[in-house]
Amino acid sequence: MSSTPAVAASGEETGPEGVREPAGEVHAWLPGQNQTVCGLPLSRTRLRRFPHVRFEYTSTDVLTGADPVGRICPRCLAASAGRRRGGQKSWVRHSPRP
């Protein structure tokens, strides 16, 4: 099981190189699990898995009508934001209690 989130999307389209690309609503998904990071089951919601596409979206991304991706799940963005720090701790206790 990988700790790097991949993409699960409601649709797909073929890119210029002939490779499947996500389209529609995009969610973060950890390969090896049967649900998205926000808790949606992949089979019941009929989300397609894209293990070759990393979930590298940020909250400042702007989507236009020309983008195949129509919506990025805000819960998946929030849940995967902590994984991008590279394993660094957000705080360190310098003077622990005895």
N, C-alpha and C. Protein backbone atom coordinates (compact mmCIF):
# COMPACT_ATOMS: atom_id res chain seq x y z
N MET A 1 0.84 -1.17 0.00
CA MET A 1 0.00 0.00 0.00
C MET A 1 0.89 1.24 0.00
N SER A 2 0.55 2.21 -0.82
CA SER A 2 1.33 3.43 -0.97
C SER A 2 0.80 4.52 -0.06
N SER A 3 1.69 5.39 0.43
CA SER A 3 1.25 6.52 1.25
C SER A 3 1.11 7.80 0.42
N THR A 4 1.41 7.72 -0.87
CA THR A 4 1.26 8.86 -1.77
C THR A 4 -0.11 8.79 -2.42
N PRO A 5 -0.94 9.83 -2.23
CA PRO A 5 -2.29 9.77 -2.81
C PRO A 5 -2.27 9.83 -4.33
N ALA A 6 -3.11 9.01 -4.92
CA ALA A 6 -3.35 9.03 -6.36
C ALA A 6 -4.73 9.63 -6.58
N VAL A 7 -5.19 9.63 -7.81
CA VAL A 7 -6.46 10.28 -8.17
C VAL A 7 -7.53 9.23 -8.43
N ALA A 8 -8.72 9.51 -7.93
CA ALA A 8 -9.93 8.79 -8.31
C ALA A 8 -10.89 9.85 -8.82
N ALA A 9 -11.50 9.62 -9.97
CA ALA A 9 -12.34 10.64 -10.60
C ALA A 9 -13.64 10.06 -11.11
N SER A 10 -14.61 10.93 -11.30
CA SER A 10 -15.93 10.49 -11.78
C SER A 10 -15.94 10.24 -13.28
N GLY A 11 -14.95 10.75 -13.99
CA GLY A 11 -14.89 10.55 -15.44
C GLY A 11 -13.45 10.40 -15.90
N GLU A 12 -13.30 10.13 -17.17
CA GLU A 12 -11.96 10.03 -17.74
C GLU A 12 -11.97 10.52 -19.17
N GLU A 13 -10.81 10.93 -19.61
CA GLU A 13 -10.64 11.29 -21.02
C GLU A 13 -9.24 10.87 -21.43
N THR A 14 -9.03 10.74 -22.71
CA THR A 14 -7.74 10.32 -23.24
C THR A 14 -6.92 11.55 -23.57
N GLY A 15 -5.70 11.58 -23.04
CA GLY A 15 -4.81 12.71 -23.27
C GLY A 15 -4.17 12.65 -24.64
N PRO A 16 -3.33 13.63 -24.96
CA PRO A 16 -2.70 13.68 -26.29
C PRO A 16 -1.76 12.50 -26.56
N GLU A 17 -1.19 11.90 -25.50
CA GLU A 17 -0.30 10.75 -25.69
C GLU A 17 -1.07 9.44 -25.69
N GLY A 18 -2.39 9.49 -25.56
CA GLY A 18 -3.19 8.28 -25.53
C GLY A 18 -3.32 7.67 -24.15
N VAL A 19 -2.95 8.41 -23.11
CA VAL A 19 -3.01 7.93 -21.73
C VAL A 19 -4.30 8.42 -21.07
N ARG A 20 -4.92 7.56 -20.26
CA ARG A 20 -6.13 7.96 -19.54
C ARG A 20 -5.82 9.07 -18.55
N GLU A 21 -6.67 10.09 -18.51
CA GLU A 21 -6.53 11.20 -17.57
C GLU A 21 -7.85 11.41 -16.86
N PRO A 22 -7.80 11.89 -15.60
CA PRO A 22 -9.04 12.10 -14.84
C PRO A 22 -9.84 13.28 -15.38
N ALA A 23 -11.16 13.19 -15.22
CA ALA A 23 -12.06 14.27 -15.61
C ALA A 23 -13.23 14.27 -14.62
N GLY A 24 -13.96 15.35 -14.60
CA GLY A 24 -15.11 15.45 -13.71
C GLY A 24 -14.70 15.81 -12.30
N GLU A 25 -15.29 15.14 -11.32
CA GLU A 25 -14.97 15.39 -9.91
C GLU A 25 -13.78 14.53 -9.51
N VAL A 26 -12.78 15.16 -8.89
CA VAL A 26 -11.52 14.49 -8.56
C VAL A 26 -11.39 14.34 -7.05
N HIS A 27 -10.97 13.13 -6.62
CA HIS A 27 -10.75 12.83 -5.21
C HIS A 27 -9.36 12.25 -5.03
N ALA A 28 -8.83 12.34 -3.80
CA ALA A 28 -7.57 11.68 -3.45
C ALA A 28 -7.88 10.25 -3.04
N TRP A 29 -7.02 9.33 -3.44
CA TRP A 29 -7.20 7.91 -3.16
C TRP A 29 -5.84 7.29 -2.89
N LEU A 30 -5.76 6.50 -1.83
CA LEU A 30 -4.52 5.79 -1.53
C LEU A 30 -4.59 4.41 -2.18
N PRO A 31 -3.70 4.10 -3.14
CA PRO A 31 -3.73 2.79 -3.79
C PRO A 31 -3.65 1.66 -2.76
N GLY A 32 -4.51 0.68 -2.97
CA GLY A 32 -4.59 -0.44 -2.03
C GLY A 32 -5.81 -0.34 -1.13
N GLN A 33 -6.48 0.79 -1.15
CA GLN A 33 -7.70 0.96 -0.35
C GLN A 33 -8.91 1.03 -1.27
N ASN A 34 -10.07 0.74 -0.71
CA ASN A 34 -11.30 0.74 -1.49
C ASN A 34 -12.14 1.99 -1.27
N GLN A 35 -11.53 3.03 -0.74
CA GLN A 35 -12.25 4.27 -0.53
C GLN A 35 -11.32 5.46 -0.73
N THR A 36 -11.93 6.62 -0.95
CA THR A 36 -11.13 7.83 -1.12
C THR A 36 -10.66 8.31 0.26
N VAL A 37 -9.80 9.31 0.26
CA VAL A 37 -9.29 9.85 1.51
C VAL A 37 -10.42 10.49 2.33
N CYS A 38 -11.43 11.03 1.64
CA CYS A 38 -12.56 11.66 2.35
C CYS A 38 -13.61 10.65 2.77
N GLY A 39 -13.44 9.36 2.43
CA GLY A 39 -14.32 8.31 2.91
C GLY A 39 -15.35 7.79 1.94
N LEU A 40 -15.35 8.21 0.69
CA LEU A 40 -16.31 7.70 -0.28
C LEU A 40 -15.89 6.32 -0.78
N PRO A 41 -16.79 5.35 -0.77
CA PRO A 41 -16.43 4.04 -1.32
C PRO A 41 -16.33 4.12 -2.84
N LEU A 42 -15.26 3.56 -3.39
CA LEU A 42 -15.02 3.67 -4.83
C LEU A 42 -16.07 2.92 -5.65
N SER A 43 -16.49 1.75 -5.21
CA SER A 43 -17.42 0.95 -6.00
C SER A 43 -18.82 1.56 -6.02
N ARG A 44 -19.30 2.04 -4.90
CA ARG A 44 -20.67 2.58 -4.86
C ARG A 44 -20.79 3.92 -5.57
N THR A 45 -19.75 4.71 -5.54
CA THR A 45 -19.80 6.01 -6.20
C THR A 45 -19.34 5.93 -7.65
N ARG A 46 -18.88 4.75 -8.08
CA ARG A 46 -18.41 4.50 -9.44
C ARG A 46 -17.28 5.43 -9.86
N LEU A 47 -16.38 5.68 -8.92
CA LEU A 47 -15.20 6.49 -9.22
C LEU A 47 -14.16 5.61 -9.91
N ARG A 48 -13.52 6.16 -10.91
CA ARG A 48 -12.47 5.44 -11.64
C ARG A 48 -11.13 5.73 -10.98
N ARG A 49 -10.30 4.71 -10.90
CA ARG A 49 -8.98 4.85 -10.27
C ARG A 49 -7.93 5.21 -11.31
N PHE A 50 -7.03 6.11 -10.92
CA PHE A 50 -5.91 6.51 -11.77
C PHE A 50 -4.63 6.39 -10.95
N PRO A 51 -4.10 5.18 -10.78
CA PRO A 51 -2.91 5.01 -9.93
C PRO A 51 -1.66 5.67 -10.51
N HIS A 52 -1.67 5.99 -11.80
CA HIS A 52 -0.51 6.61 -12.44
C HIS A 52 -0.54 8.14 -12.34
N VAL A 53 -1.62 8.71 -11.77
CA VAL A 53 -1.74 10.17 -11.63
C VAL A 53 -1.71 10.51 -10.16
N ARG A 54 -0.72 11.30 -9.74
CA ARG A 54 -0.62 11.72 -8.34
C ARG A 54 -1.61 12.83 -8.04
N PHE A 55 -2.14 12.85 -6.82
CA PHE A 55 -3.05 13.90 -6.38
C PHE A 55 -2.20 15.07 -5.93
N GLU A 56 -1.93 16.00 -6.82
CA GLU A 56 -1.05 17.14 -6.54
C GLU A 56 -1.80 18.46 -6.71
N TYR A 57 -3.01 18.50 -6.25
CA TYR A 57 -3.81 19.72 -6.33
C TYR A 57 -3.65 20.51 -5.05
N THR A 58 -3.82 21.83 -5.14
CA THR A 58 -3.78 22.69 -3.97
C THR A 58 -5.07 23.49 -3.90
N SER A 59 -5.30 24.12 -2.76
CA SER A 59 -6.52 24.91 -2.60
C SER A 59 -6.50 26.18 -3.43
N THR A 60 -5.34 26.56 -3.96
CA THR A 60 -5.25 27.78 -4.76
C THR A 60 -5.36 27.50 -6.26
N ASP A 61 -5.55 26.24 -6.64
CA ASP A 61 -5.71 25.91 -8.06
C ASP A 61 -7.01 26.51 -8.59
N VAL A 62 -6.94 27.09 -9.79
CA VAL A 62 -8.10 27.68 -10.43
C VAL A 62 -8.48 26.81 -11.62
N LEU A 63 -9.72 26.34 -11.62
CA LEU A 63 -10.20 25.50 -12.71
C LEU A 63 -11.01 26.36 -13.68
N THR A 64 -10.79 26.15 -14.96
CA THR A 64 -11.54 26.87 -15.98
C THR A 64 -12.42 25.89 -16.75
N GLY A 65 -13.23 26.38 -17.64
CA GLY A 65 -14.09 25.54 -18.44
C GLY A 65 -13.32 24.63 -19.39
N ALA A 66 -12.09 25.00 -19.71
CA ALA A 66 -11.27 24.20 -20.62
C ALA A 66 -10.63 23.01 -19.92
N ASP A 67 -10.61 23.01 -18.59
CA ASP A 67 -10.02 21.90 -17.84
C ASP A 67 -10.96 20.71 -17.83
N PRO A 68 -10.42 19.51 -18.01
CA PRO A 68 -11.29 18.33 -17.92
C PRO A 68 -11.77 18.08 -16.48
N VAL A 69 -10.98 18.54 -15.51
CA VAL A 69 -11.37 18.40 -14.11
C VAL A 69 -12.35 19.51 -13.77
N GLY A 70 -13.53 19.13 -13.34
CA GLY A 70 -14.55 20.12 -13.04
C GLY A 70 -14.57 20.56 -11.60
N ARG A 71 -14.21 19.66 -10.67
CA ARG A 71 -14.27 19.98 -9.25
C ARG A 71 -13.23 19.14 -8.52
N ILE A 72 -12.57 19.75 -7.54
CA ILE A 72 -11.62 19.05 -6.68
C ILE A 72 -12.26 18.97 -5.30
N CYS A 73 -12.34 17.78 -4.74
CA CYS A 73 -12.99 17.57 -3.45
C CYS A 73 -12.26 18.36 -2.36
N PRO A 74 -12.94 19.27 -1.67
CA PRO A 74 -12.28 20.06 -0.62
C PRO A 74 -11.87 19.22 0.58
N ARG A 75 -12.61 18.16 0.88
CA ARG A 75 -12.24 17.30 2.01
C ARG A 75 -10.98 16.50 1.70
N CYS A 76 -10.84 16.07 0.46
CA CYS A 76 -9.62 15.37 0.06
C CYS A 76 -8.41 16.32 0.06
N LEU A 77 -8.64 17.57 -0.35
CA LEU A 77 -7.56 18.56 -0.30
C LEU A 77 -7.08 18.76 1.13
N ALA A 78 -8.01 18.90 2.06
CA ALA A 78 -7.65 19.12 3.46
C ALA A 78 -6.95 17.90 4.04
N ALA A 79 -7.42 16.71 3.70
CA ALA A 79 -6.84 15.49 4.25
C ALA A 79 -5.46 15.19 3.68
N SER A 80 -5.23 15.54 2.43
CA SER A 80 -3.94 15.22 1.82
C SER A 80 -2.93 16.35 1.98
N ALA A 81 -3.32 17.50 2.49
CA ALA A 81 -2.38 18.62 2.65
C ALA A 81 -1.28 18.27 3.64
N GLY A 82 -1.59 17.54 4.69
CA GLY A 82 -0.59 17.16 5.68
C GLY A 82 0.41 16.16 5.14
N ARG A 83 0.05 15.40 4.12
CA ARG A 83 0.95 14.40 3.55
C ARG A 83 2.02 15.04 2.67
N ARG A 84 1.83 16.26 2.25
CA ARG A 84 2.78 16.90 1.33
C ARG A 84 3.98 17.50 2.04
N ARG A 85 3.95 17.55 3.36
CA ARG A 85 5.04 18.20 4.08
C ARG A 85 6.32 17.37 4.08
N GLY A 86 6.26 16.19 3.53
CA GLY A 86 7.47 15.39 3.45
C GLY A 86 7.80 14.67 4.75
N GLY A 87 6.81 14.42 5.57
CA GLY A 87 7.04 13.69 6.80
C GLY A 87 7.58 14.53 7.94
N GLN A 88 7.64 15.84 7.77
CA GLN A 88 8.13 16.70 8.83
C GLN A 88 7.04 16.90 9.87
N LYS A 89 7.46 16.99 11.11
CA LYS A 89 6.50 17.25 12.17
C LYS A 89 6.09 18.71 12.14
N SER A 90 4.84 18.99 12.50
CA SER A 90 4.40 20.38 12.51
C SER A 90 4.91 21.12 13.73
N TRP A 91 5.20 20.40 14.81
CA TRP A 91 5.77 21.03 15.99
C TRP A 91 6.69 20.04 16.67
N VAL A 92 7.63 20.54 17.46
CA VAL A 92 8.59 19.70 18.16
C VAL A 92 8.66 20.19 19.60
N ARG A 93 8.57 19.27 20.53
CA ARG A 93 8.69 19.63 21.94
C ARG A 93 10.18 19.70 22.29
N HIS A 94 10.63 20.89 22.69
CA HIS A 94 12.06 21.10 22.97
C HIS A 94 12.41 20.80 24.42
N SER A 95 11.45 20.92 25.31
CA SER A 95 11.73 20.72 26.72
C SER A 95 10.66 19.79 27.28
N PRO A 96 10.81 18.49 27.09
CA PRO A 96 9.77 17.57 27.56
C PRO A 96 9.75 17.47 29.09
N ARG A 97 8.58 17.17 29.58
CA ARG A 97 8.43 17.01 31.02
C ARG A 97 9.09 15.70 31.47
N PRO A 98 9.56 15.65 32.74
CA PRO A 98 10.19 14.42 33.22
C PRO A 98 9.20 13.29 33.43
